[in-house]
Amino acid sequence: MRLALSVVFSSLAGYLLGVDNVDFKTLTLLAFGGYFMVGASNAFNQIIEKDLDALMDRTKNRPIPAGRMSVTTAFIIASVFTLLGVIILYTINKQTAMFGAISIFLYTCVYTPLKTKTPLAVFVGAIPGAIPFMLGWVAATDDFGIEPGTLFALQFFWQFPHFWAIGWFLFEDYKKGGFYMLPTGKQDKGTAVQTIMYTIWTVIVSIIPVFGFTGRLELSIVAAVIVFAFGLWMLYYAIRLFKVMTEKGAKQLMLVSVSYITLVQIVYVIDKFIR
């Protein structure tokens, strides 16, 4: 539920950035459609990975491996959530429904199978993971251009340090399930350096709107300074991981990354309405 709510939050932030006048009916539809979309993806994921989930401490108590739910029941739930999500998003506009459907497909049919094959799975998973922020703008405008593309890029690059931090401090547990989450496959300097580099890209993309290159997506100088400061905060913990090379350092980076993306989205929205 926490993951689903974070996705809904991103979608609503994107909607508020793109809309001229808030339509609470559309806002509600987006929230429920996004929630069902994430629920469907997670349900299909847990069906596919049920045997691997049983091997890992963090997932062995999920409904299917714990025996509280049958695969058939889970499949029915996943299918119903898919239909509800796509239909609800379609009532907003066709493009929103299309991107929602693409997200479910990529997460279920590409990202999930690749997790036991290659570290590139994180790259693939970052695509559906970055769609929600962009989805809100598309829901508000029925248009895909530089503005939602920038929102997508911000959340896309953010995914890498976030998930590599998770992959680092859960390395041994992921190994039980045969998952390849770190770019080098190890808790090493190579992974830490890449984490730093993608954090830098995240910070750069986050302040691009202040330069006036992103159409209607704008950012004031004050807001850009605040966003940049949040980025330096996250970068500090990415560099710290490189120095300490510990699971504690990775967990701290993960927690900071969650706070970072939430705070940046809040600043974007507040800046729009007070500018």
Protein backbone atom coordinates (compact mmCIF):
# COMPACT_ATOMS: atom_id res chain seq x y z
CA MET A 1 0.00 0.00 0.00
CA ARG A 2 2.86 2.41 0.79
CA LEU A 3 4.28 1.93 -2.71
CA ALA A 4 0.86 2.44 -4.30
CA LEU A 5 0.23 5.61 -2.29
CA SER A 6 3.64 7.02 -3.27
CA VAL A 7 2.78 6.42 -6.93
CA VAL A 8 -0.61 8.10 -6.50
CA PHE A 9 1.13 11.05 -4.82
CA SER A 10 3.48 11.43 -7.81
CA SER A 11 0.56 11.27 -10.24
CA LEU A 12 -1.42 13.90 -8.34
CA ALA A 13 1.66 16.16 -8.18
CA GLY A 14 2.08 15.85 -11.95
CA TYR A 15 -1.61 16.66 -12.45
CA LEU A 16 -1.41 19.78 -10.30
CA LEU A 17 1.63 20.95 -12.27
CA GLY A 18 -0.15 20.53 -15.61
CA VAL A 19 -3.66 21.75 -14.86
CA ASP A 20 -4.94 25.31 -15.11
CA ASN A 21 -8.04 24.74 -13.02
CA VAL A 22 -8.22 21.75 -10.70
CA ASP A 23 -11.01 19.33 -11.55
CA PHE A 24 -11.56 17.23 -8.43
CA LYS A 25 -13.43 14.56 -10.40
CA THR A 26 -10.38 14.02 -12.64
CA LEU A 27 -8.12 14.17 -9.59
CA THR A 28 -10.14 11.40 -7.92
CA LEU A 29 -10.21 9.27 -11.07
CA LEU A 30 -6.44 9.65 -11.42
CA ALA A 31 -5.90 8.61 -7.81
CA PHE A 32 -8.03 5.48 -8.08
CA GLY A 33 -6.81 4.60 -11.58
CA GLY A 34 -3.19 4.96 -10.48
CA TYR A 35 -3.80 2.90 -7.35
CA PHE A 36 -5.34 0.04 -9.34
CA MET A 37 -2.52 0.27 -11.88
CA VAL A 38 0.14 -0.23 -9.20
CA GLY A 39 -1.93 -2.90 -7.48
CA ALA A 40 -2.22 -4.86 -10.72
CA SER A 41 1.52 -4.66 -11.40
CA ASN A 42 2.39 -5.80 -7.88
CA ALA A 43 -0.14 -8.62 -7.94
CA PHE A 44 1.15 -10.01 -11.25
CA ASN A 45 4.71 -9.63 -9.94
CA GLN A 46 3.90 -11.67 -6.84
CA ILE A 47 2.28 -14.40 -8.93
CA ILE A 48 5.33 -14.71 -11.18
CA GLU A 49 7.80 -14.60 -8.29
CA LYS A 50 5.85 -16.69 -5.77
CA ASP A 51 8.52 -19.42 -5.52
CA LEU A 52 11.37 -16.92 -5.25
CA ASP A 53 9.46 -14.82 -2.72
CA ALA A 54 9.29 -17.87 -0.45
CA LEU A 55 13.11 -17.91 -0.29
CA MET A 56 13.60 -14.33 0.89
CA ASP A 57 12.96 -12.94 4.36
CA ARG A 58 11.47 -9.68 3.07
CA THR A 59 8.88 -11.44 0.90
CA LYS A 60 8.19 -14.86 2.43
CA ASN A 61 5.15 -13.53 4.32
CA ARG A 62 3.43 -12.24 1.19
CA PRO A 63 -0.04 -13.78 0.68
CA ILE A 64 0.87 -16.40 -1.94
CA PRO A 65 4.14 -17.86 -0.53
CA ALA A 66 2.64 -17.73 2.98
CA GLY A 67 -0.34 -19.76 1.77
CA ARG A 68 -2.98 -17.15 2.60
CA MET A 69 -4.02 -16.74 -1.03
CA SER A 70 -4.13 -19.05 -4.04
CA VAL A 71 -2.57 -18.15 -7.38
CA THR A 72 -6.02 -18.25 -8.98
CA THR A 73 -7.41 -15.70 -6.54
CA ALA A 74 -4.36 -13.49 -7.01
CA PHE A 75 -4.71 -13.69 -10.80
CA ILE A 76 -8.37 -12.69 -10.61
CA ILE A 77 -7.49 -9.72 -8.41
CA ALA A 78 -4.63 -8.68 -10.71
CA SER A 79 -6.87 -8.94 -13.79
CA VAL A 80 -9.71 -6.98 -12.21
CA PHE A 81 -7.29 -4.28 -11.03
CA THR A 82 -5.84 -4.05 -14.55
CA LEU A 83 -9.27 -3.57 -16.11
CA LEU A 84 -10.39 -1.09 -13.47
CA GLY A 85 -7.15 0.89 -13.73
CA VAL A 86 -7.15 1.15 -17.51
CA ILE A 87 -10.89 1.89 -17.74
CA ILE A 88 -10.74 4.59 -15.07
CA LEU A 89 -7.71 6.23 -16.69
CA TYR A 90 -9.43 5.98 -20.10
CA THR A 91 -12.31 8.09 -18.77
CA ILE A 92 -9.73 10.84 -18.21
CA ASN A 93 -8.24 10.56 -21.70
CA LYS A 94 -6.81 7.92 -24.03
CA GLN A 95 -3.16 8.86 -23.57
CA THR A 96 -3.38 8.47 -19.80
CA ALA A 97 -4.87 5.00 -20.22
CA MET A 98 -2.20 4.09 -22.79
CA PHE A 99 0.69 5.06 -20.52
CA GLY A 100 -0.97 3.24 -17.62
CA ALA A 101 -1.27 0.08 -19.69
CA ILE A 102 2.35 0.40 -20.88
CA SER A 103 3.45 0.69 -17.26
CA ILE A 104 1.67 -2.52 -16.24
CA PHE A 105 3.04 -4.38 -19.28
CA LEU A 106 6.65 -3.31 -18.78
CA TYR A 107 6.64 -4.00 -15.05
CA THR A 108 4.99 -7.40 -15.38
CA CYS A 109 6.23 -8.79 -18.67
CA VAL A 110 9.71 -7.26 -19.00
CA TYR A 111 11.05 -5.99 -15.66
CA THR A 112 9.91 -8.90 -13.50
CA PRO A 113 11.38 -11.71 -15.68
CA LEU A 114 14.65 -9.78 -16.16
CA LYS A 115 15.31 -9.39 -12.41
CA THR A 116 16.87 -12.87 -12.24
CA LYS A 117 18.73 -12.45 -15.55
CA THR A 118 20.58 -9.13 -15.61
CA PRO A 119 21.23 -5.92 -13.64
CA LEU A 120 19.72 -4.10 -16.63
CA ALA A 121 16.37 -5.02 -15.12
CA VAL A 122 16.69 -1.88 -12.99
CA PHE A 123 16.92 0.21 -16.19
CA VAL A 124 13.76 -1.41 -17.55
CA GLY A 125 11.98 -1.09 -14.20
CA ALA A 126 12.85 2.59 -14.03
CA ILE A 127 10.59 3.23 -17.05
CA PRO A 128 7.26 2.19 -15.46
CA GLY A 129 8.56 3.61 -12.19
CA ALA A 130 8.98 7.03 -13.80
CA ILE A 131 5.61 7.10 -15.57
CA PRO A 132 3.37 8.23 -12.64
CA PHE A 133 4.81 11.78 -12.31
CA MET A 134 4.48 12.22 -16.06
CA LEU A 135 1.04 10.54 -16.08
CA GLY A 136 -0.45 13.30 -13.98
CA TRP A 137 0.56 15.97 -16.50
CA VAL A 138 -0.86 13.91 -19.38
CA ALA A 139 -4.10 13.46 -17.42
CA ALA A 140 -4.31 17.24 -16.97
CA THR A 141 -3.45 18.24 -20.54
CA ASP A 142 -4.06 15.19 -22.76
CA ASP A 143 -0.69 16.03 -24.27
CA PHE A 144 2.80 14.52 -24.15
CA GLY A 145 5.62 16.99 -24.75
CA ILE A 146 8.72 18.46 -23.14
CA GLU A 147 6.95 19.10 -19.82
CA PRO A 148 5.88 15.53 -18.97
CA GLY A 149 9.10 14.31 -20.59
CA THR A 150 11.08 16.34 -18.04
CA LEU A 151 9.00 14.99 -15.16
CA PHE A 152 9.61 11.49 -16.50
CA ALA A 153 13.37 12.09 -16.74
CA LEU A 154 13.55 13.37 -13.16
CA GLN A 155 11.87 10.32 -11.68
CA PHE A 156 13.66 7.99 -14.13
CA PHE A 157 17.17 8.99 -13.05
CA TRP A 158 16.11 9.05 -9.39
CA GLN A 159 15.14 5.37 -9.59
CA PHE A 160 18.76 4.22 -9.94
CA PRO A 161 20.30 5.48 -6.69
CA HIS A 162 17.05 4.63 -4.91
CA PHE A 163 16.88 0.99 -6.03
CA TRP A 164 20.62 0.39 -5.95
CA ALA A 165 20.56 1.52 -2.32
CA ILE A 166 17.81 -1.03 -1.65
CA GLY A 167 19.70 -3.67 -3.62
CA TRP A 168 22.80 -2.93 -1.53
CA PHE A 169 21.38 -3.29 1.98
CA LEU A 170 19.19 -6.24 0.94
CA PHE A 171 21.99 -7.84 -1.09
CA GLU A 172 22.14 -11.13 0.83
CA ASP A 173 18.35 -11.52 0.87
CA TYR A 174 18.08 -10.79 -2.87
CA LYS A 175 20.83 -13.33 -3.48
CA LYS A 176 18.60 -16.04 -2.00
CA GLY A 177 16.07 -15.35 -4.72
CA GLY A 178 18.67 -15.01 -7.46
CA PHE A 179 17.96 -11.34 -8.13
CA TYR A 180 20.54 -9.10 -9.82
CA MET A 181 19.85 -5.58 -8.57
CA LEU A 182 23.28 -3.91 -8.42
CA PRO A 183 24.92 -2.69 -11.66
CA THR A 184 28.17 -4.62 -11.09
CA GLY A 185 26.44 -7.47 -9.26
CA LYS A 186 28.45 -6.62 -6.13
CA GLN A 187 28.53 -4.23 -3.18
CA ASP A 188 31.66 -2.59 -4.58
CA LYS A 189 33.15 0.76 -5.56
CA GLY A 190 31.82 0.37 -9.10
CA THR A 191 28.23 0.25 -7.85
CA ALA A 192 28.88 3.17 -5.48
CA VAL A 193 30.37 5.31 -8.27
CA GLN A 194 27.40 4.66 -10.55
CA THR A 195 25.07 5.54 -7.70
CA ILE A 196 26.83 8.88 -7.36
CA MET A 197 26.70 9.55 -11.11
CA TYR A 198 22.96 8.87 -11.39
CA THR A 199 22.34 11.03 -8.34
CA ILE A 200 24.16 13.87 -10.10
CA TRP A 201 21.99 13.37 -13.19
CA THR A 202 18.91 13.46 -10.97
CA VAL A 203 20.00 16.77 -9.45
CA ILE A 204 20.74 18.29 -12.87
CA VAL A 205 17.37 17.29 -14.34
CA SER A 206 15.53 18.56 -11.26
CA ILE A 207 16.64 22.18 -11.84
CA ILE A 208 16.37 22.29 -15.65
CA PRO A 209 12.91 23.98 -15.55
CA VAL A 210 14.48 27.11 -14.01
CA PHE A 211 16.28 27.81 -17.31
CA GLY A 212 13.06 28.13 -19.33
CA PHE A 213 13.71 25.20 -21.67
CA THR A 214 10.74 23.11 -20.58
CA GLY A 215 7.68 24.88 -21.92
CA ARG A 216 4.95 25.42 -19.36
CA LEU A 217 6.91 23.53 -16.71
CA GLU A 218 8.67 26.36 -14.91
CA LEU A 219 10.60 26.78 -11.69
CA SER A 220 11.45 30.00 -9.88
CA ILE A 221 15.01 30.73 -8.82
CA VAL A 222 14.12 30.35 -5.14
CA ALA A 223 12.44 26.99 -5.77
CA ALA A 224 15.39 25.85 -7.89
CA VAL A 225 17.81 26.70 -5.07
CA ILE A 226 15.68 24.69 -2.62
CA VAL A 227 15.46 21.74 -5.02
CA PHE A 228 19.21 21.92 -5.62
CA ALA A 229 19.82 21.89 -1.87
CA PHE A 230 17.71 18.74 -1.54
CA GLY A 231 19.78 17.26 -4.35
CA LEU A 232 23.04 18.03 -2.55
CA TRP A 233 21.57 16.37 0.55
CA MET A 234 20.93 13.19 -1.43
CA LEU A 235 24.31 13.44 -3.16
CA TYR A 236 26.02 13.67 0.23
CA TYR A 237 24.59 10.30 1.23
CA ALA A 238 25.49 8.79 -2.16
CA ILE A 239 29.10 9.91 -1.66
CA ARG A 240 28.97 8.70 1.92
CA LEU A 241 27.99 5.24 0.69
CA PHE A 242 31.11 5.27 -1.50
CA LYS A 243 33.19 6.07 1.58
CA VAL A 244 31.66 3.70 4.14
CA MET A 245 30.53 0.84 1.84
CA THR A 246 28.07 -0.47 4.44
CA GLU A 247 24.48 -1.65 4.51
CA LYS A 248 23.70 1.10 7.01
CA GLY A 249 25.01 3.69 4.55
CA ALA A 250 22.85 2.23 1.79
CA LYS A 251 19.75 2.24 3.98
CA GLN A 252 20.36 5.89 4.87
CA LEU A 253 20.64 6.75 1.16
CA MET A 254 17.40 4.90 0.45
CA LEU A 255 15.51 6.80 3.15
CA VAL A 256 16.94 10.14 2.00
CA SER A 257 16.04 9.35 -1.62
CA VAL A 258 12.40 8.74 -0.67
CA SER A 259 12.29 12.05 1.19
CA TYR A 260 14.06 13.78 -1.71
CA ILE A 261 11.59 12.84 -4.45
CA THR A 262 8.61 13.67 -2.23
CA LEU A 263 10.00 17.06 -1.19
CA VAL A 264 10.98 17.99 -4.75
CA GLN A 265 7.47 17.24 -6.00
CA ILE A 266 5.98 19.31 -3.18
CA VAL A 267 8.29 22.24 -3.98
CA TYR A 268 7.39 22.03 -7.69
CA VAL A 269 3.67 22.19 -6.89
CA ILE A 270 3.91 24.94 -4.27
CA ASP A 271 6.14 27.01 -6.56
CA LYS A 272 3.60 26.80 -9.36
CA PHE A 273 0.73 28.06 -7.24
CA ILE A 274 2.56 30.89 -5.47
CA ARG A 275 4.67 32.07 -8.40
